[in-house]
C-alpha atoms as a PDB file:
ATOM      1  CA  MET A   1       0.015  -0.004   0.109  1.00  0.00           C
ATOM      2  CA  SER A   2       1.146   3.159  -0.501  1.00  0.00           C
ATOM      3  CA  GLU A   3       0.424   6.365   1.584  1.00  0.00           C
ATOM      4  CA  ASP A   4      -0.812   9.514   0.107  1.00  0.00           C
ATOM      5  CA  ILE A   5       2.087  11.978   0.540  1.00  0.00           C
ATOM      6  CA  LYS A   6       0.478  15.439   2.204  1.00  0.00           C
ATOM      7  CA  LYS A   7       1.998  18.427   0.363  1.00  0.00           C
ATOM      8  CA  VAL A   8       0.839  22.205   1.025  1.00  0.00           C
ATOM      9  CA  THR A   9      -1.190  24.038  -1.763  1.00  0.00           C
ATOM     10  CA  PRO A  10       0.241  25.709  -4.615  1.00  0.00           C
ATOM     11  CA  GLU A  11      -0.652  29.023  -3.983  1.00  0.00           C
ATOM     12  CA  GLU A  12       0.661  28.197  -0.093  1.00  0.00           C
ATOM     13  CA  LEU A  13       4.014  27.409  -2.168  1.00  0.00           C
ATOM     14  CA  GLU A  14       3.712  30.176  -3.786  1.00  0.00           C
ATOM     15  CA  VAL A  15       3.866  32.358  -0.551  1.00  0.00           C
ATOM     16  CA  VAL A  16       6.852  30.694   1.510  1.00  0.00           C
ATOM     17  CA  ASN A  17       8.619  31.271  -1.916  1.00  0.00           C
ATOM     18  CA  GLU A  18       7.925  34.772  -2.372  1.00  0.00           C
ATOM     19  CA  VAL A  19       9.080  35.515   1.712  1.00  0.00           C
ATOM     20  CA  ARG A  20      12.155  33.689   0.892  1.00  0.00           C
ATOM     21  CA  SER A  21      12.809  35.003  -2.568  1.00  0.00           C
ATOM     22  CA  LYS A  22      12.441  38.439  -0.211  1.00  0.00           C
ATOM     23  CA  TYR A  23      14.908  37.452   2.026  1.00  0.00           C
ATOM     24  CA  GLN A  24      17.094  36.766  -1.172  1.00  0.00           C
ATOM     25  CA  GLU A  25      16.800  40.213  -2.160  1.00  0.00           C
ATOM     26  CA  ILE A  26      17.530  41.710   1.082  1.00  0.00           C
ATOM     27  CA  THR A  27      21.039  40.043   1.524  1.00  0.00           C
ATOM     28  CA  VAL A  28      22.229  41.242  -1.736  1.00  0.00           C
ATOM     29  CA  LYS A  29      21.142  44.404  -0.892  1.00  0.00           C
ATOM     30  CA  LEU A  30      22.816  44.613   2.422  1.00  0.00           C
ATOM     31  CA  GLY A  31      25.805  42.854   0.750  1.00  0.00           C
ATOM     32  CA  GLN A  32      25.850  45.841  -1.465  1.00  0.00           C
ATOM     33  CA  ILE A  33      25.377  48.554   0.630  1.00  0.00           C
ATOM     34  CA  GLN A  34      28.523  46.673   2.593  1.00  0.00           C
ATOM     35  CA  VAL A  35      30.737  46.906  -0.217  1.00  0.00           C
ATOM     36  CA  GLN A  36      29.578  50.475  -0.514  1.00  0.00           C
ATOM     37  CA  ARG A  37      31.000  51.408   2.711  1.00  0.00           C
ATOM     38  CA  MET A  38      34.096  49.570   2.476  1.00  0.00           C
ATOM     39  CA  THR A  39      34.081  51.507  -0.675  1.00  0.00           C
ATOM     40  CA  ILE A  40      33.677  55.281   1.035  1.00  0.00           C
ATOM     41  CA  SER A  41      35.705  54.113   4.110  1.00  0.00           C
ATOM     42  CA  GLY A  42      38.342  53.712   1.842  1.00  0.00           C
ATOM     43  CA  GLN A  43      37.482  56.904   0.505  1.00  0.00           C
ATOM     44  CA  LEU A  44      37.431  58.988   3.484  1.00  0.00           C
ATOM     45  CA  GLU A  45      41.049  57.762   4.237  1.00  0.00           C
ATOM     46  CA  ILE A  46      42.457  58.837   1.619  1.00  0.00           C
ATOM     47  CA  LEU A  47      40.826  62.228   2.520  1.00  0.00           C
ATOM     48  CA  ASN A  48      41.625  62.299   6.049  1.00  0.00           C
ATOM     49  CA  LYS A  49      45.415  61.534   4.898  1.00  0.00           C
ATOM     50  CA  ASN A  50      45.234  64.457   2.618  1.00  0.00           C
ATOM     51  CA  GLU A  51      43.990  66.714   5.098  1.00  0.00           C
ATOM     52  CA  GLU A  52      46.897  65.835   7.425  1.00  0.00           C
ATOM     53  CA  ASP A  53      49.345  66.734   4.921  1.00  0.00           C
ATOM     54  CA  LEU A  54      47.765  69.901   4.069  1.00  0.00           C
ATOM     55  CA  ARG A  55      47.441  70.882   7.534  1.00  0.00           C
ATOM     56  CA  GLU A  56      50.990  69.919   8.266  1.00  0.00           C
ATOM     57  CA  GLU A  57      52.212  71.870   4.735  1.00  0.00           C
ATOM     58  CA  TRP A  58      50.260  74.829   6.341  1.00  0.00           C
ATOM     59  CA  VAL A  59      52.335  74.382   9.666  1.00  0.00           C
ATOM     60  CA  LYS A  60      55.086  74.330   7.383  1.00  0.00           C
ATOM     61  CA  THR A  61      54.478  77.169   5.074  1.00  0.00           C
ATOM     62  CA  GLN A  62      53.846  79.324   8.253  1.00  0.00           C
ATOM     63  CA  GLN A  63      57.355  78.832   9.825  1.00  0.00           C
ATOM     64  CA  GLU A  64      58.890  79.712   6.580  1.00  0.00           C
ATOM     65  CA  GLU A  65      56.812  83.131   6.641  1.00  0.00           C
ATOM     66  CA  SER A  66      57.642  83.862   9.853  1.00  0.00           C
ATOM     67  CA  LYS A  67      61.462  83.242   9.177  1.00  0.00           C
ATOM     68  CA  ALA A  68      61.043  85.187   5.990  1.00  0.00           C
ATOM     69  CA  ILE A  69      59.429  87.845   8.587  1.00  0.00           C
ATOM     70  CA  THR A  70      62.250  87.873  10.812  1.00  0.00           C
ATOM     71  CA  ASP A  71      65.299  87.963   7.838  1.00  0.00           C
ATOM     72  CA  LEU A  72      63.928  91.011   6.313  1.00  0.00           C
ATOM     73  CA  GLN A  73      63.537  93.118   9.901  1.00  0.00           C
ATOM     74  CA  GLU A  74      66.779  91.940  10.379  1.00  0.00           C
ATOM     75  CA  LYS A  75      67.878  93.845   7.486  1.00  0.00           C
ATOM     76  CA  TYR A  76      65.701  96.479   6.669  1.00  0.00           C
ATOM     77  CA  GLY A  77      64.139  96.909  10.245  1.00  0.00           C
ATOM     78  CA  LYS A  78      60.456  97.356  10.933  1.00  0.00           C
ATOM     79  CA  VAL A  79      59.397  98.446   7.786  1.00  0.00           C
ATOM     80  CA  ASN A  80      56.036  98.493   4.742  1.00  0.00           C
ATOM     81  CA  ILE A  81      57.215  96.199   1.745  1.00  0.00           C
ATOM     82  CA  ASN A  82      54.801  96.500  -1.153  1.00  0.00           C
ATOM     83  CA  LEU A  83      54.756  92.746  -1.922  1.00  0.00           C
ATOM     84  CA  ASP A  84      54.034  93.602  -6.141  1.00  0.00           C
ATOM     85  CA  SER A  85      56.987  95.756  -6.491  1.00  0.00           C
ATOM     86  CA  GLY A  86      59.569  95.193  -3.171  1.00  0.00           C
ATOM     87  CA  GLU A  87      59.137  98.465  -2.602  1.00  0.00           C
ATOM     88  CA  ILE A  88      60.439  99.858   1.088  1.00  0.00           C
ATOM     89  CA  ASN A  89      58.644 102.842   2.921  1.00  0.00           C
ATOM     90  CA  GLU A  90      59.708 103.534   6.140  1.00  0.00           C
ATOM     91  CA  SER A  91      56.349 104.676   8.122  1.00  0.00           C
END
């Protein structure tokens, strides 16, 4: 004697498969978000490094400016210098 195999209805099976399909779609989208997050994180690291380099360059440039001013003051005293023409005005 063969036993009858119990089965869910085609409609019930369709509902279950739709839910499973939604889970797969969500899983793929979560993976895509993670990849985007990794990409953005890498870009942020590059931006942070560039910013740090520029801040260091800013400080170095301020030191160069300070030295240039000191050197000029030692040579010419406290004067006004026209930065376009180089003319010195003793005011």
